[in-house]
């Protein structure tokens, strides 16, 4: 099962996730199989969710768009590029292929 945080913005704007329950926390007690979550995770919160047993794995979308070298950045503890939500879902290469990689 793949879960995301409750988010009805359809990708158009940032959502305030304060006091919003993680779907993984709701479903883990009733889902004994592999549980993969997505949505607003950063490397530290993703690691915590896996280590705490809330999920088996985390997927990244927006941060992979902004950080094509995301696995290397996580491994090195390097800062992440901020993503530009305004360039999602259409247009040209701006916002998809122009984010800087680590040097």
PDB file of N, CA and C in Angstrom:
ATOM      1  N   UNK A   1       0.847  -1.163   0.000  1.00  0.00           N
ATOM      2  CA  UNK A   1       0.000   0.000   0.000  1.00  0.00           C
ATOM      3  C   UNK A   1       0.896   1.231   0.000  1.00  0.00           C
ATOM      4  N   UNK A   2       0.540   2.216  -0.794  1.00  0.00           N
ATOM      5  CA  UNK A   2       1.273   3.470  -0.850  1.00  0.00           C
ATOM      6  C   UNK A   2       0.369   4.577  -0.334  1.00  0.00           C
ATOM      7  N   UNK A   3       0.891   5.333   0.622  1.00  0.00           N
ATOM      8  CA  UNK A   3       0.105   6.377   1.252  1.00  0.00           C
ATOM      9  C   UNK A   3       0.784   7.724   1.125  1.00  0.00           C
ATOM     10  N   UNK A   4       0.003   8.773   1.181  1.00  0.00           N
ATOM     11  CA  UNK A   4       0.533  10.127   1.254  1.00  0.00           C
ATOM     12  C   UNK A   4      -0.179  10.860   2.363  1.00  0.00           C
ATOM     13  N   UNK A   5       0.352  12.016   2.716  1.00  0.00           N
ATOM     14  CA  UNK A   5      -0.343  12.827   3.713  1.00  0.00           C
ATOM     15  C   UNK A   5      -1.615  13.360   3.085  1.00  0.00           C
ATOM     16  N   UNK A   6      -2.579  13.661   3.928  1.00  0.00           N
ATOM     17  CA  UNK A   6      -3.816  14.222   3.408  1.00  0.00           C
ATOM     18  C   UNK A   6      -3.515  15.567   2.779  1.00  0.00           C
ATOM     19  N   UNK A   7      -3.717  15.702   1.491  1.00  0.00           N
ATOM     20  CA  UNK A   7      -3.359  16.907   0.766  1.00  0.00           C
ATOM     21  C   UNK A   7      -4.300  17.030  -0.412  1.00  0.00           C
ATOM     22  N   UNK A   8      -5.177  18.005  -0.384  1.00  0.00           N
ATOM     23  CA  UNK A   8      -6.151  18.177  -1.460  1.00  0.00           C
ATOM     24  C   UNK A   8      -5.830  19.381  -2.329  1.00  0.00           C
ATOM     25  N   UNK A   9      -4.601  19.866  -2.281  1.00  0.00           N
ATOM     26  CA  UNK A   9      -4.244  21.066  -3.023  1.00  0.00           C
ATOM     27  C   UNK A   9      -3.973  20.795  -4.489  1.00  0.00           C
ATOM     28  N   UNK A  10      -3.933  19.558  -4.908  1.00  0.00           N
ATOM     29  CA  UNK A  10      -3.640  19.183  -6.289  1.00  0.00           C
ATOM     30  C   UNK A  10      -2.323  19.784  -6.771  1.00  0.00           C
ATOM     31  N   UNK A  11      -1.394  19.989  -5.856  1.00  0.00           N
ATOM     32  CA  UNK A  11      -0.079  20.451  -6.240  1.00  0.00           C
ATOM     33  C   UNK A  11       0.038  21.920  -6.547  1.00  0.00           C
ATOM     34  N   UNK A  12      -0.984  22.691  -6.293  1.00  0.00           N
ATOM     35  CA  UNK A  12      -0.957  24.087  -6.681  1.00  0.00           C
ATOM     36  C   UNK A  12      -0.320  25.005  -5.647  1.00  0.00           C
ATOM     37  N   UNK A  13      -0.344  24.643  -4.380  1.00  0.00           N
ATOM     38  CA  UNK A  13       0.201  25.511  -3.349  1.00  0.00           C
ATOM     39  C   UNK A  13       0.689  24.666  -2.185  1.00  0.00           C
ATOM     40  N   UNK A  14       1.477  25.303  -1.331  1.00  0.00           N
ATOM     41  CA  UNK A  14       1.955  24.601  -0.156  1.00  0.00           C
ATOM     42  C   UNK A  14       0.802  24.379   0.814  1.00  0.00           C
ATOM     43  N   UNK A  15       0.868  23.304   1.537  1.00  0.00           N
ATOM     44  CA  UNK A  15      -0.168  22.960   2.496  1.00  0.00           C
ATOM     45  C   UNK A  15       0.443  22.994   3.885  1.00  0.00           C
ATOM     46  N   UNK A  16      -0.266  23.557   4.832  1.00  0.00           N
ATOM     47  CA  UNK A  16       0.189  23.561   6.214  1.00  0.00           C
ATOM     48  C   UNK A  16      -0.130  22.192   6.803  1.00  0.00           C
ATOM     49  N   UNK A  17       0.911  21.417   7.076  1.00  0.00           N
ATOM     50  CA  UNK A  17       0.725  20.058   7.567  1.00  0.00           C
ATOM     51  C   UNK A  17       0.732  19.959   9.085  1.00  0.00           C
ATOM     52  N   UNK A  18       0.729  21.095   9.786  1.00  0.00           N
ATOM     53  CA  UNK A  18       0.689  21.042  11.240  1.00  0.00           C
ATOM     54  C   UNK A  18      -0.620  20.415  11.700  1.00  0.00           C
ATOM     55  N   UNK A  19      -0.522  19.551  12.668  1.00  0.00           N
ATOM     56  CA  UNK A  19      -1.678  18.874  13.260  1.00  0.00           C
ATOM     57  C   UNK A  19      -2.456  18.013  12.275  1.00  0.00           C
ATOM     58  N   UNK A  20      -1.839  17.679  11.140  1.00  0.00           N
ATOM     59  CA  UNK A  20      -2.466  16.780  10.179  1.00  0.00           C
ATOM     60  C   UNK A  20      -1.892  15.392  10.442  1.00  0.00           C
ATOM     61  N   UNK A  21      -2.743  14.407  10.703  1.00  0.00           N
ATOM     62  CA  UNK A  21      -2.206  13.074  11.002  1.00  0.00           C
ATOM     63  C   UNK A  21      -1.544  12.455   9.776  1.00  0.00           C
ATOM     64  N   UNK A  22      -0.454  11.768  10.005  1.00  0.00           N
ATOM     65  CA  UNK A  22       0.183  11.032   8.926  1.00  0.00           C
ATOM     66  C   UNK A  22      -0.677   9.816   8.606  1.00  0.00           C
ATOM     67  N   UNK A  23      -0.911   9.604   7.342  1.00  0.00           N
ATOM     68  CA  UNK A  23      -1.711   8.438   6.967  1.00  0.00           C
ATOM     69  C   UNK A  23      -1.028   7.152   7.416  1.00  0.00           C
ATOM     70  N   UNK A  24       0.315   7.158   7.443  1.00  0.00           N
ATOM     71  CA  UNK A  24       1.024   5.960   7.891  1.00  0.00           C
ATOM     72  C   UNK A  24       0.713   5.640   9.347  1.00  0.00           C
ATOM     73  N   UNK A  25       0.553   6.657  10.165  1.00  0.00           N
ATOM     74  CA  UNK A  25       0.206   6.419  11.569  1.00  0.00           C
ATOM     75  C   UNK A  25      -1.206   5.871  11.710  1.00  0.00           C
ATOM     76  N   UNK A  26      -2.073   6.243  10.795  1.00  0.00           N
ATOM     77  CA  UNK A  26      -3.451   5.737  10.835  1.00  0.00           C
ATOM     78  C   UNK A  26      -3.559   4.317  10.296  1.00  0.00           C
ATOM     79  N   UNK A  27      -2.798   4.024   9.234  1.00  0.00           N
ATOM     80  CA  UNK A  27      -2.942   2.732   8.571  1.00  0.00           C
ATOM     81  C   UNK A  27      -2.006   1.646   9.086  1.00  0.00           C
ATOM     82  N   UNK A  28      -0.847   2.005   9.625  1.00  0.00           N
ATOM     83  CA  UNK A  28       0.100   0.983  10.072  1.00  0.00           C
ATOM     84  C   UNK A  28      -0.538  -0.020  11.037  1.00  0.00           C
ATOM     85  N   UNK A  29      -1.337   0.421  12.014  1.00  0.00           N
ATOM     86  CA  UNK A  29      -1.923  -0.553  12.948  1.00  0.00           C
ATOM     87  C   UNK A  29      -2.853  -1.580  12.275  1.00  0.00           C
ATOM     88  N   UNK A  30      -3.399  -1.248  11.129  1.00  0.00           N
ATOM     89  CA  UNK A  30      -4.336  -2.170  10.478  1.00  0.00           C
ATOM     90  C   UNK A  30      -3.786  -2.752   9.175  1.00  0.00           C
ATOM     91  N   UNK A  31      -2.563  -2.364   8.772  1.00  0.00           N
ATOM     92  CA  UNK A  31      -1.973  -2.857   7.529  1.00  0.00           C
ATOM     93  C   UNK A  31      -0.667  -3.578   7.847  1.00  0.00           C
ATOM     94  N   UNK A  32      -0.688  -4.925   7.865  1.00  0.00           N
ATOM     95  CA  UNK A  32       0.500  -5.680   8.255  1.00  0.00           C
ATOM     96  C   UNK A  32       1.513  -5.874   7.125  1.00  0.00           C
ATOM     97  N   UNK A  33       1.166  -5.477   5.914  1.00  0.00           N
ATOM     98  CA  UNK A  33       2.041  -5.688   4.753  1.00  0.00           C
ATOM     99  C   UNK A  33       2.977  -4.499   4.553  1.00  0.00           C
ATOM    100  N   UNK A  34       3.712  -4.516   3.462  1.00  0.00           N
ATOM    101  CA  UNK A  34       4.642  -3.426   3.166  1.00  0.00           C
ATOM    102  C   UNK A  34       3.868  -2.122   3.001  1.00  0.00           C
ATOM    103  N   UNK A  35       4.348  -1.094   3.659  1.00  0.00           N
ATOM    104  CA  UNK A  35       3.692   0.210   3.652  1.00  0.00           C
ATOM    105  C   UNK A  35       4.702   1.254   3.191  1.00  0.00           C
ATOM    106  N   UNK A  36       4.379   1.933   2.100  1.00  0.00           N
ATOM    107  CA  UNK A  36       5.240   2.967   1.524  1.00  0.00           C
ATOM    108  C   UNK A  36       4.485   4.284   1.614  1.00  0.00           C
ATOM    109  N   UNK A  37       5.165   5.318   2.097  1.00  0.00           N
ATOM    110  CA  UNK A  37       4.520   6.619   2.269  1.00  0.00           C
ATOM    111  C   UNK A  37       5.223   7.676   1.424  1.00  0.00           C
ATOM    112  N   UNK A  38       4.505   8.752   1.164  1.00  0.00           N
ATOM    113  CA  UNK A  38       5.034   9.885   0.408  1.00  0.00           C
ATOM    114  C   UNK A  38       4.359  11.151   0.900  1.00  0.00           C
ATOM    115  N   UNK A  39       4.966  12.262   0.593  1.00  0.00           N
ATOM    116  CA  UNK A  39       4.318  13.539   0.863  1.00  0.00           C
ATOM    117  C   UNK A  39       4.967  14.339   1.964  1.00  0.00           C
ATOM    118  N   UNK A  40       5.749  15.322   1.569  1.00  0.00           N
ATOM    119  CA  UNK A  40       6.320  16.299   2.486  1.00  0.00           C
ATOM    120  C   UNK A  40       7.381  15.732   3.417  1.00  0.00           C
ATOM    121  N   UNK A  41       7.932  14.580   3.091  1.00  0.00           N
ATOM    122  CA  UNK A  41       9.024  14.035   3.895  1.00  0.00           C
ATOM    123  C   UNK A  41      10.341  14.656   3.459  1.00  0.00           C
ATOM    124  N   UNK A  42      11.214  14.862   4.427  1.00  0.00           N
ATOM    125  CA  UNK A  42      12.600  15.257   4.182  1.00  0.00           C
ATOM    126  C   UNK A  42      13.445  14.095   4.677  1.00  0.00           C
ATOM    127  N   UNK A  43      14.736  14.070   4.359  1.00  0.00           N
ATOM    128  CA  UNK A  43      15.543  12.906   4.761  1.00  0.00           C
ATOM    129  C   UNK A  43      15.441  12.550   6.241  1.00  0.00           C
ATOM    130  N   UNK A  44      15.460  13.536   7.112  1.00  0.00           N
ATOM    131  CA  UNK A  44      15.416  13.224   8.549  1.00  0.00           C
ATOM    132  C   UNK A  44      14.063  12.667   8.974  1.00  0.00           C
ATOM    133  N   UNK A  45      12.977  13.229   8.460  1.00  0.00           N
ATOM    134  CA  UNK A  45      11.652  12.725   8.846  1.00  0.00           C
ATOM    135  C   UNK A  45      11.373  11.374   8.192  1.00  0.00           C
ATOM    136  N   UNK A  46      11.923  11.167   6.999  1.00  0.00           N
ATOM    137  CA  UNK A  46      11.770   9.869   6.334  1.00  0.00           C
ATOM    138  C   UNK A  46      12.491   8.782   7.118  1.00  0.00           C
ATOM    139  N   UNK A  47      13.722   9.063   7.526  1.00  0.00           N
ATOM    140  CA  UNK A  47      14.480   8.087   8.323  1.00  0.00           C
ATOM    141  C   UNK A  47      13.767   7.769   9.623  1.00  0.00           C
ATOM    142  N   UNK A  48      13.249   8.798  10.271  1.00  0.00           N
ATOM    143  CA  UNK A  48      12.537   8.581  11.537  1.00  0.00           C
ATOM    144  C   UNK A  48      11.302   7.721  11.331  1.00  0.00           C
ATOM    145  N   UNK A  49      10.559   7.954  10.261  1.00  0.00           N
ATOM    146  CA  UNK A  49       9.344   7.175  10.005  1.00  0.00           C
ATOM    147  C   UNK A  49       9.671   5.697   9.793  1.00  0.00           C
ATOM    148  N   UNK A  50      10.757   5.424   9.080  1.00  0.00           N
ATOM    149  CA  UNK A  50      11.168   4.026   8.857  1.00  0.00           C
ATOM    150  C   UNK A  50      11.692   3.419  10.153  1.00  0.00           C
ATOM    151  N   UNK A  51      12.554   4.154  10.844  1.00  0.00           N
ATOM    152  CA  UNK A  51      13.135   3.629  12.085  1.00  0.00           C
ATOM    153  C   UNK A  51      12.082   3.377  13.161  1.00  0.00           C
ATOM    154  N   UNK A  52      11.047   4.198  13.197  1.00  0.00           N
ATOM    155  CA  UNK A  52       9.973   4.030  14.177  1.00  0.00           C
ATOM    156  C   UNK A  52       8.968   2.958  13.782  1.00  0.00           C
ATOM    157  N   UNK A  53       9.129   2.380  12.597  1.00  0.00           N
ATOM    158  CA  UNK A  53       8.233   1.323  12.153  1.00  0.00           C
ATOM    159  C   UNK A  53       6.899   1.806  11.613  1.00  0.00           C
ATOM    160  N   UNK A  54       6.772   3.106  11.388  1.00  0.00           N
ATOM    161  CA  UNK A  54       5.509   3.626  10.837  1.00  0.00           C
ATOM    162  C   UNK A  54       5.341   3.231   9.375  1.00  0.00           C
ATOM    163  N   UNK A  55       6.468   3.092   8.657  1.00  0.00           N
ATOM    164  CA  UNK A  55       6.451   2.714   7.245  1.00  0.00           C
ATOM    165  C   UNK A  55       7.654   1.826   6.961  1.00  0.00           C
ATOM    166  N   UNK A  56       7.614   1.191   5.797  1.00  0.00           N
ATOM    167  CA  UNK A  56       8.746   0.381   5.367  1.00  0.00           C
ATOM    168  C   UNK A  56       9.664   1.152   4.422  1.00  0.00           C
ATOM    169  N   UNK A  57       9.111   2.138   3.736  1.00  0.00           N
ATOM    170  CA  UNK A  57       9.894   2.941   2.792  1.00  0.00           C
ATOM    171  C   UNK A  57       9.184   4.269   2.561  1.00  0.00           C
ATOM    172  N   UNK A  58       9.948   5.241   2.069  1.00  0.00           N
ATOM    173  CA  UNK A  58       9.430   6.562   1.742  1.00  0.00           C
ATOM    174  C   UNK A  58       9.763   6.855   0.291  1.00  0.00           C
ATOM    175  N   UNK A  59       8.847   7.482  -0.411  1.00  0.00           N
ATOM    176  CA  UNK A  59       9.126   7.950  -1.762  1.00  0.00           C
ATOM    177  C   UNK A  59       9.246   9.468  -1.732  1.00  0.00           C
ATOM    178  N   UNK A  60      10.037   9.994  -2.648  1.00  0.00           N
ATOM    179  CA  UNK A  60      10.210  11.440  -2.763  1.00  0.00           C
ATOM    180  C   UNK A  60       9.818  11.864  -4.172  1.00  0.00           C
ATOM    181  N   UNK A  61       9.076  12.947  -4.286  1.00  0.00           N
ATOM    182  CA  UNK A  61       8.706  13.491  -5.587  1.00  0.00           C
ATOM    183  C   UNK A  61       9.308  14.858  -5.790  1.00  0.00           C
ATOM    184  N   UNK A  62       8.753  15.847  -5.099  1.00  0.00           N
ATOM    185  CA  UNK A  62       9.202  17.237  -5.263  1.00  0.00           C
ATOM    186  C   UNK A  62      10.690  17.391  -5.001  1.00  0.00           C
ATOM    187  N   UNK A  63      11.208  16.725  -3.968  1.00  0.00           N
ATOM    188  CA  UNK A  63      12.627  16.877  -3.669  1.00  0.00           C
ATOM    189  C   UNK A  63      13.510  16.175  -4.692  1.00  0.00           C
ATOM    190  N   UNK A  64      12.994  15.150  -5.378  1.00  0.00           N
ATOM    191  CA  UNK A  64      13.774  14.551  -6.466  1.00  0.00           C
ATOM    192  C   UNK A  64      13.786  15.459  -7.681  1.00  0.00           C
ATOM    193  N   UNK A  65      12.699  16.172  -7.923  1.00  0.00           N
ATOM    194  CA  UNK A  65      12.683  17.122  -9.034  1.00  0.00           C
ATOM    195  C   UNK A  65      13.740  18.197  -8.801  1.00  0.00           C
ATOM    196  N   UNK A  66      13.784  18.732  -7.593  1.00  0.00           N
ATOM    197  CA  UNK A  66      14.706  19.822  -7.274  1.00  0.00           C
ATOM    198  C   UNK A  66      16.121  19.352  -6.973  1.00  0.00           C
ATOM    199  N   UNK A  67      16.283  18.065  -6.736  1.00  0.00           N
ATOM    200  CA  UNK A  67      17.590  17.508  -6.376  1.00  0.00           C
ATOM    201  C   UNK A  67      17.812  16.213  -7.137  1.00  0.00           C
ATOM    202  N   UNK A  68      18.204  16.302  -8.409  1.00  0.00           N
ATOM    203  CA  UNK A  68      18.388  15.074  -9.184  1.00  0.00           C
ATOM    204  C   UNK A  68      19.454  14.155  -8.586  1.00  0.00           C
ATOM    205  N   UNK A  69      20.277  14.704  -7.700  1.00  0.00           N
ATOM    206  CA  UNK A  69      21.292  13.923  -7.002  1.00  0.00           C
ATOM    207  C   UNK A  69      20.877  13.669  -5.551  1.00  0.00           C
ATOM    208  N   UNK A  70      19.581  13.528  -5.317  1.00  0.00           N
ATOM    209  CA  UNK A  70      19.051  13.384  -3.955  1.00  0.00           C
ATOM    210  C   UNK A  70      19.729  12.280  -3.149  1.00  0.00           C
ATOM    211  N   UNK A  71      19.932  11.080  -3.677  1.00  0.00           N
ATOM    212  CA  UNK A  71      20.593  10.046  -2.851  1.00  0.00           C
ATOM    213  C   UNK A  71      21.982  10.477  -2.376  1.00  0.00           C
ATOM    214  N   UNK A  72      22.754  11.136  -3.236  1.00  0.00           N
ATOM    215  CA  UNK A  72      24.079  11.610  -2.846  1.00  0.00           C
ATOM    216  C   UNK A  72      23.974  12.694  -1.782  1.00  0.00           C
ATOM    217  N   UNK A  73      23.028  13.610  -1.929  1.00  0.00           N
ATOM    218  CA  UNK A  73      22.842  14.671  -0.943  1.00  0.00           C
ATOM    219  C   UNK A  73      22.466  14.079   0.422  1.00  0.00           C
ATOM    220  N   UNK A  74      21.589  13.091   0.420  1.00  0.00           N
ATOM    221  CA  UNK A  74      21.187  12.462   1.679  1.00  0.00           C
ATOM    222  C   UNK A  74      22.381  11.766   2.313  1.00  0.00           C
ATOM    223  N   UNK A  75      23.120  11.023   1.515  1.00  0.00           N
ATOM    224  CA  UNK A  75      24.288  10.299   2.025  1.00  0.00           C
ATOM    225  C   UNK A  75      25.311  11.251   2.644  1.00  0.00           C
ATOM    226  N   UNK A  76      25.527  12.406   2.001  1.00  0.00           N
ATOM    227  CA  UNK A  76      26.527  13.367   2.482  1.00  0.00           C
ATOM    228  C   UNK A  76      25.972  14.344   3.520  1.00  0.00           C
ATOM    229  N   UNK A  77      24.663  14.308   3.749  1.00  0.00           N
ATOM    230  CA  UNK A  77      24.066  15.272   4.669  1.00  0.00           C
ATOM    231  C   UNK A  77      24.079  16.687   4.107  1.00  0.00           C
ATOM    232  N   UNK A  78      24.107  16.789   2.791  1.00  0.00           N
ATOM    233  CA  UNK A  78      24.169  18.092   2.116  1.00  0.00           C
ATOM    234  C   UNK A  78      22.796  18.754   2.122  1.00  0.00           C
ATOM    235  N   UNK A  79      22.769  20.074   2.043  1.00  0.00           N
ATOM    236  CA  UNK A  79      21.480  20.760   1.990  1.00  0.00           C
ATOM    237  C   UNK A  79      20.745  20.445   0.693  1.00  0.00           C
ATOM    238  N   UNK A  80      19.421  20.541   0.753  1.00  0.00           N
ATOM    239  CA  UNK A  80      18.589  20.284  -0.420  1.00  0.00           C
ATOM    240  C   UNK A  80      18.269  21.588  -1.139  1.00  0.00           C
ATOM    241  N   UNK A  81      18.189  21.517  -2.470  1.00  0.00           N
ATOM    242  CA  UNK A  81      17.675  22.647  -3.231  1.00  0.00           C
ATOM    243  C   UNK A  81      16.199  22.801  -2.902  1.00  0.00           C
ATOM    244  N   UNK A  82      15.720  24.021  -2.827  1.00  0.00           N
ATOM    245  CA  UNK A  82      14.286  24.261  -2.691  1.00  0.00           C
ATOM    246  C   UNK A  82      13.637  24.032  -4.041  1.00  0.00           C
ATOM    247  N   UNK A  83      12.445  23.517  -4.037  1.00  0.00           N
ATOM    248  CA  UNK A  83      11.737  23.316  -5.299  1.00  0.00           C
ATOM    249  C   UNK A  83      10.874  24.534  -5.603  1.00  0.00           C
ATOM    250  N   UNK A  84      10.532  24.676  -6.865  1.00  0.00           N
ATOM    251  CA  UNK A  84       9.685  25.767  -7.323  1.00  0.00           C
ATOM    252  C   UNK A  84       8.371  25.166  -7.805  1.00  0.00           C
ATOM    253  N   UNK A  85       7.380  25.180  -6.942  1.00  0.00           N
ATOM    254  CA  UNK A  85       6.095  24.554  -7.248  1.00  0.00           C
ATOM    255  C   UNK A  85       5.431  25.153  -8.486  1.00  0.00           C
ATOM    256  N   UNK A  86       5.700  26.421  -8.766  1.00  0.00           N
ATOM    257  CA  UNK A  86       5.077  27.090  -9.913  1.00  0.00           C
ATOM    258  C   UNK A  86       5.491  26.458 -11.244  1.00  0.00           C
ATOM    259  N   UNK A  87       6.612  25.731 -11.261  1.00  0.00           N
ATOM    260  CA  UNK A  87       7.063  25.117 -12.514  1.00  0.00           C
ATOM    261  C   UNK A  87       6.622  23.666 -12.655  1.00  0.00           C
ATOM    262  N   UNK A  88       5.882  23.145 -11.699  1.00  0.00           N
ATOM    263  CA  UNK A  88       5.413  21.752 -11.777  1.00  0.00           C
ATOM    264  C   UNK A  88       4.299  21.610 -12.816  1.00  0.00           C
ATOM    265  N   UNK A  89       4.192  20.424 -13.367  1.00  0.00           N
ATOM    266  CA  UNK A  89       3.054  20.031 -14.206  1.00  0.00           C
ATOM    267  C   UNK A  89       2.939  20.821 -15.503  1.00  0.00           C
ATOM    268  N   UNK A  90       4.024  20.963 -16.177  1.00  0.00           N
ATOM    269  CA  UNK A  90       3.927  21.557 -17.500  1.00  0.00           C
ATOM    270  C   UNK A  90       4.953  22.635 -17.727  1.00  0.00           C
ATOM    271  N   UNK A  91       4.976  23.137 -18.944  1.00  0.00           N
ATOM    272  CA  UNK A  91       5.921  24.167 -19.281  1.00  0.00           C
ATOM    273  C   UNK A  91       7.118  23.582 -19.994  1.00  0.00           C
ATOM    274  N   UNK A  92       8.266  24.183 -19.756  1.00  0.00           N
ATOM    275  CA  UNK A  92       9.476  23.738 -20.433  1.00  0.00           C
ATOM    276  C   UNK A  92      10.468  23.146 -19.429  1.00  0.00           C
ATOM    277  N   UNK A  93      11.757  23.216 -19.763  1.00  0.00           N
ATOM    278  CA  UNK A  93      12.776  22.606 -18.896  1.00  0.00           C
ATOM    279  C   UNK A  93      12.944  23.332 -17.573  1.00  0.00           C
ATOM    280  N   UNK A  94      12.515  24.595 -17.478  1.00  0.00           N
ATOM    281  CA  UNK A  94      12.672  25.352 -16.247  1.00  0.00           C
ATOM    282  C   UNK A  94      11.949  24.620 -15.113  1.00  0.00           C
ATOM    283  N   UNK A  95      12.691  24.345 -14.069  1.00  0.00           N
ATOM    284  CA  UNK A  95      12.117  23.659 -12.928  1.00  0.00           C
ATOM    285  C   UNK A  95      12.210  22.147 -13.001  1.00  0.00           C
ATOM    286  N   UNK A  96      12.715  21.610 -14.124  1.00  0.00           N
ATOM    287  CA  UNK A  96      12.885  20.161 -14.226  1.00  0.00           C
ATOM    288  C   UNK A  96      14.332  19.757 -14.463  1.00  0.00           C
ATOM    289  N   UNK A  97      15.045  20.542 -15.255  1.00  0.00           N
ATOM    290  CA  UNK A  97      16.411  20.153 -15.583  1.00  0.00           C
ATOM    291  C   UNK A  97      17.436  21.223 -15.246  1.00  0.00           C
ATOM    292  N   UNK A  98      17.027  22.260 -14.542  1.00  0.00           N
ATOM    293  CA  UNK A  98      17.956  23.351 -14.291  1.00  0.00           C
ATOM    294  C   UNK A  98      18.353  23.510 -12.814  1.00  0.00           C
ATOM    295  N   UNK A  99      18.028  22.553 -11.969  1.00  0.00           N
ATOM    296  CA  UNK A  99      18.450  22.628 -10.583  1.00  0.00           C
ATOM    297  C   UNK A  99      19.925  22.248 -10.465  1.00  0.00           C
ATOM    298  N   UNK A 100      20.685  22.952  -9.641  1.00  0.00           N
ATOM    299  CA  UNK A 100      22.110  22.648  -9.530  1.00  0.00           C
ATOM    300  C   UNK A 100      22.385  21.354  -8.765  1.00  0.00           C
ATOM    301  N   UNK A 101      23.390  20.636  -9.230  1.00  0.00           N
ATOM    302  CA  UNK A 101      23.843  19.428  -8.542  1.00  0.00           C
ATOM    303  C   UNK A 101      24.986  19.802  -7.612  1.00  0.00           C
ATOM    304  N   UNK A 102      25.305  18.896  -6.704  1.00  0.00           N
ATOM    305  CA  UNK A 102      26.473  19.107  -5.840  1.00  0.00           C
ATOM    306  C   UNK A 102      27.733  19.173  -6.686  1.00  0.00           C
ATOM    307  N   UNK A 103      28.680  19.935  -6.218  1.00  0.00           N
ATOM    308  CA  UNK A 103      29.956  20.013  -6.958  1.00  0.00           C
ATOM    309  C   UNK A 103      30.944  19.042  -6.402  1.00  0.00           C
TER     310      UNK A 103
END
